[in-house]
C-alpha atoms as a PDB file:
ATOM      1  CA  MET A   1      72.960  20.146 -46.519  1.00  0.00           C
ATOM      2  CA  GLY A   2      70.359  22.491 -47.933  1.00  0.00           C
ATOM      3  CA  GLY A   3      67.744  21.530 -49.867  1.00  0.00           C
ATOM      4  CA  GLY A   4      69.773  22.710 -52.815  1.00  0.00           C
ATOM      5  CA  GLN A   5      71.723  19.171 -52.714  1.00  0.00           C
ATOM      6  CA  LEU A   6      68.444  17.272 -52.234  1.00  0.00           C
ATOM      7  CA  MET A   7      67.574  18.323 -54.909  1.00  0.00           C
ATOM      8  CA  THR A   8      70.166  18.272 -57.432  1.00  0.00           C
ATOM      9  CA  SER A   9      70.767  14.565 -55.189  1.00  0.00           C
ATOM     10  CA  LEU A  10      66.666  13.280 -56.744  1.00  0.00           C
ATOM     11  CA  SER A  11      66.884  15.133 -60.125  1.00  0.00           C
ATOM     12  CA  ARG A  12      69.656  13.027 -61.089  1.00  0.00           C
ATOM     13  CA  TYR A  13      68.217   9.516 -59.382  1.00  0.00           C
ATOM     14  CA  LEU A  14      64.510  10.553 -61.397  1.00  0.00           C
ATOM     15  CA  ARG A  15      66.350  10.998 -64.511  1.00  0.00           C
ATOM     16  CA  LYS A  16      68.209   7.279 -64.533  1.00  0.00           C
ATOM     17  CA  GLN A  17      64.958   6.149 -63.911  1.00  0.00           C
ATOM     18  CA  ALA A  18      62.768   5.140 -66.264  1.00  0.00           C
ATOM     19  CA  PRO A  19      60.035   7.817 -67.386  1.00  0.00           C
ATOM     20  CA  ALA A  20      57.069   7.140 -64.648  1.00  0.00           C
ATOM     21  CA  GLU A  21      53.773   5.908 -66.715  1.00  0.00           C
ATOM     22  CA  SER A  22      51.568   6.996 -63.745  1.00  0.00           C
ATOM     23  CA  LEU A  23      51.348   9.770 -60.809  1.00  0.00           C
ATOM     24  CA  GLY A  24      51.591   5.552 -58.396  1.00  0.00           C
ATOM     25  CA  HIS A  25      54.604   4.930 -60.394  1.00  0.00           C
ATOM     26  CA  LEU A  26      56.154   8.284 -59.734  1.00  0.00           C
ATOM     27  CA  GLN A  27      55.257   7.632 -55.776  1.00  0.00           C
ATOM     28  CA  PHE A  28      57.130   4.481 -56.485  1.00  0.00           C
ATOM     29  CA  GLN A  29      60.176   6.174 -57.546  1.00  0.00           C
ATOM     30  CA  LEU A  30      60.385   8.967 -54.730  1.00  0.00           C
ATOM     31  CA  ASP A  31      59.427   6.459 -52.505  1.00  0.00           C
ATOM     32  CA  ALA A  32      62.105   4.301 -53.729  1.00  0.00           C
ATOM     33  CA  PHE A  33      64.418   7.769 -53.156  1.00  0.00           C
ATOM     34  CA  ARG A  34      63.912   8.719 -50.398  1.00  0.00           C
ATOM     35  CA  ASP A  35      64.313   4.877 -48.926  1.00  0.00           C
ATOM     36  CA  ARG A  36      67.692   4.991 -50.089  1.00  0.00           C
ATOM     37  CA  TYR A  37      68.607   8.458 -49.371  1.00  0.00           C
ATOM     38  CA  ASN A  38      67.485   7.983 -45.649  1.00  0.00           C
ATOM     39  CA  GLN A  39      68.559   4.560 -44.813  1.00  0.00           C
ATOM     40  CA  HIS A  40      71.017   3.692 -47.265  1.00  0.00           C
ATOM     41  CA  ARG A  41      73.436   6.213 -48.098  1.00  0.00           C
ATOM     42  CA  PRO A  42      76.325   6.673 -45.763  1.00  0.00           C
ATOM     43  CA  HIS A  43      76.592  10.608 -44.959  1.00  0.00           C
ATOM     44  CA  ARG A  44      80.017  12.325 -44.215  1.00  0.00           C
ATOM     45  CA  ALA A  45      78.621  14.404 -42.446  1.00  0.00           C
ATOM     46  CA  LEU A  46      77.280  11.968 -39.900  1.00  0.00           C
ATOM     47  CA  ALA A  47      80.649   9.656 -40.026  1.00  0.00           C
ATOM     48  CA  GLY A  48      79.607   7.883 -42.949  1.00  0.00           C
ATOM     49  CA  GLN A  49      76.773   7.013 -40.827  1.00  0.00           C
ATOM     50  CA  THR A  50      73.004   6.816 -42.723  1.00  0.00           C
ATOM     51  CA  PRO A  51      70.941   9.770 -41.749  1.00  0.00           C
ATOM     52  CA  LEU A  52      68.112   7.080 -40.477  1.00  0.00           C
ATOM     53  CA  VAL A  53      71.072   5.258 -38.212  1.00  0.00           C
ATOM     54  CA  ALA A  54      72.342   8.943 -36.574  1.00  0.00           C
ATOM     55  CA  PHE A  55      68.907   9.898 -36.068  1.00  0.00           C
ATOM     56  CA  ASN A  56      67.531   6.651 -34.049  1.00  0.00           C
ATOM     57  CA  ALA A  57      70.933   7.571 -32.251  1.00  0.00           C
ATOM     58  CA  ARG A  58      69.627  11.138 -31.009  1.00  0.00           C
ATOM     59  CA  LEU A  59      68.144  11.518 -27.655  1.00  0.00           C
ATOM     60  CA  LYS A  60      64.107  12.359 -27.750  1.00  0.00           C
ATOM     61  CA  ALA A  61      61.937  14.114 -26.341  1.00  0.00           C
ATOM     62  CA  ARG A  62      59.201  12.229 -24.378  1.00  0.00           C
ATOM     63  CA  PRO A  63      56.248  13.656 -22.067  1.00  0.00           C
ATOM     64  CA  ASP A  64      56.586  13.019 -18.578  1.00  0.00           C
ATOM     65  CA  PRO A  65      55.378   9.674 -16.495  1.00  0.00           C
ATOM     66  CA  PRO A  66      51.755   9.972 -15.655  1.00  0.00           C
ATOM     67  CA  LEU A  67      51.081  10.832 -11.737  1.00  0.00           C
ATOM     68  CA  ALA A  68      50.215   8.902  -9.404  1.00  0.00           C
ATOM     69  CA  PRO A  69      46.519   8.440  -9.126  1.00  0.00           C
ATOM     70  CA  LEU A  70      44.613  10.255  -6.363  1.00  0.00           C
ATOM     71  CA  THR A  71      43.538   7.825  -3.299  1.00  0.00           C
ATOM     72  CA  THR A  72      40.511   7.497  -2.788  1.00  0.00           C
ATOM     73  CA  GLY A  73      38.239   6.825  -0.663  1.00  0.00           C
ATOM     74  CA  SER A  74      39.328   9.715   1.556  1.00  0.00           C
ATOM     75  CA  ALA A  75      37.483  11.281   4.548  1.00  0.00           C
ATOM     76  CA  ARG A  76      38.010  14.655   2.643  1.00  0.00           C
ATOM     77  CA  THR A  77      35.147  15.599   0.853  1.00  0.00           C
ATOM     78  CA  SER A  78      34.375  18.930  -2.099  1.00  0.00           C
ATOM     79  CA  SER A  79      33.069  21.744  -0.293  1.00  0.00           C
ATOM     80  CA  THR A  80      32.703  23.587  -3.602  1.00  0.00           C
ATOM     81  CA  THR A  81      30.795  21.249  -5.313  1.00  0.00           C
ATOM     82  CA  THR A  82      27.517  21.559  -3.790  1.00  0.00           C
ATOM     83  CA  ALA A  83      24.398  21.687  -6.313  1.00  0.00           C
ATOM     84  CA  ALA A  84      24.217  25.256  -6.128  1.00  0.00           C
ATOM     85  CA  SER A  85      27.861  26.087  -7.095  1.00  0.00           C
ATOM     86  CA  PRO A  86      28.448  25.586 -10.734  1.00  0.00           C
ATOM     87  CA  CYS A  87      31.033  23.045 -12.162  1.00  0.00           C
ATOM     88  CA  ALA A  88      32.736  22.349 -15.121  1.00  0.00           C
ATOM     89  CA  THR A  89      31.052  18.788 -15.946  1.00  0.00           C
ATOM     90  CA  CYS A  90      27.462  20.469 -16.169  1.00  0.00           C
ATOM     91  CA  ALA A  91      26.949  20.810 -19.729  1.00  0.00           C
ATOM     92  CA  GLY A  92      25.124  23.716 -19.330  1.00  0.00           C
ATOM     93  CA  CYS A  93      27.673  25.345 -17.352  1.00  0.00           C
ATOM     94  CA  ALA A  94      29.693  27.825 -18.543  1.00  0.00           C
ATOM     95  CA  ILE A  95      32.536  28.490 -15.785  1.00  0.00           C
ATOM     96  CA  SER A  96      35.986  26.382 -16.435  1.00  0.00           C
ATOM     97  CA  ALA A  97      37.292  24.479 -13.848  1.00  0.00           C
ATOM     98  CA  SER A  98      39.942  26.592 -13.047  1.00  0.00           C
ATOM     99  CA  ALA A  99      37.590  29.517 -12.362  1.00  0.00           C
ATOM    100  CA  PRO A 100      37.396  29.863  -9.261  1.00  0.00           C
ATOM    101  CA  ASN A 101      34.095  29.016  -6.982  1.00  0.00           C
ATOM    102  CA  THR A 102      33.129  32.920  -6.345  1.00  0.00           C
ATOM    103  CA  ALA A 103      30.165  31.803  -4.595  1.00  0.00           C
ATOM    104  CA  THR A 104      31.753  29.602  -2.229  1.00  0.00           C
ATOM    105  CA  ALA A 105      34.118  32.812  -1.662  1.00  0.00           C
ATOM    106  CA  ARG A 106      31.578  35.204  -1.168  1.00  0.00           C
ATOM    107  CA  SER A 107      29.811  33.233   1.384  1.00  0.00           C
ATOM    108  CA  ALA A 108      33.004  32.108   3.411  1.00  0.00           C
ATOM    109  CA  SER A 109      33.736  36.366   4.086  1.00  0.00           C
END
């Protein structure tokens, strides 16, 4: 169903209603139409289901589950975080955490 059919249905619905006395009243009428159109009206293309039932039956994309937290108390320490190296947490640093640490890379060669 295209947008034309929706507008035709909405126009027919509004013509059957009393003229809206205010924007609030018009919004109430539009909300009532949307509720009926999506939640109560059986749809031929959906085998008689309402659009809401058909929507809720579909699989939804969900975010991946969170990764397991890193273990704490590890004997491993970061050799790149020294007082002289830039870090991503300092307010004045312009280097992001994903940028390679060139100071450490130069000193290692």
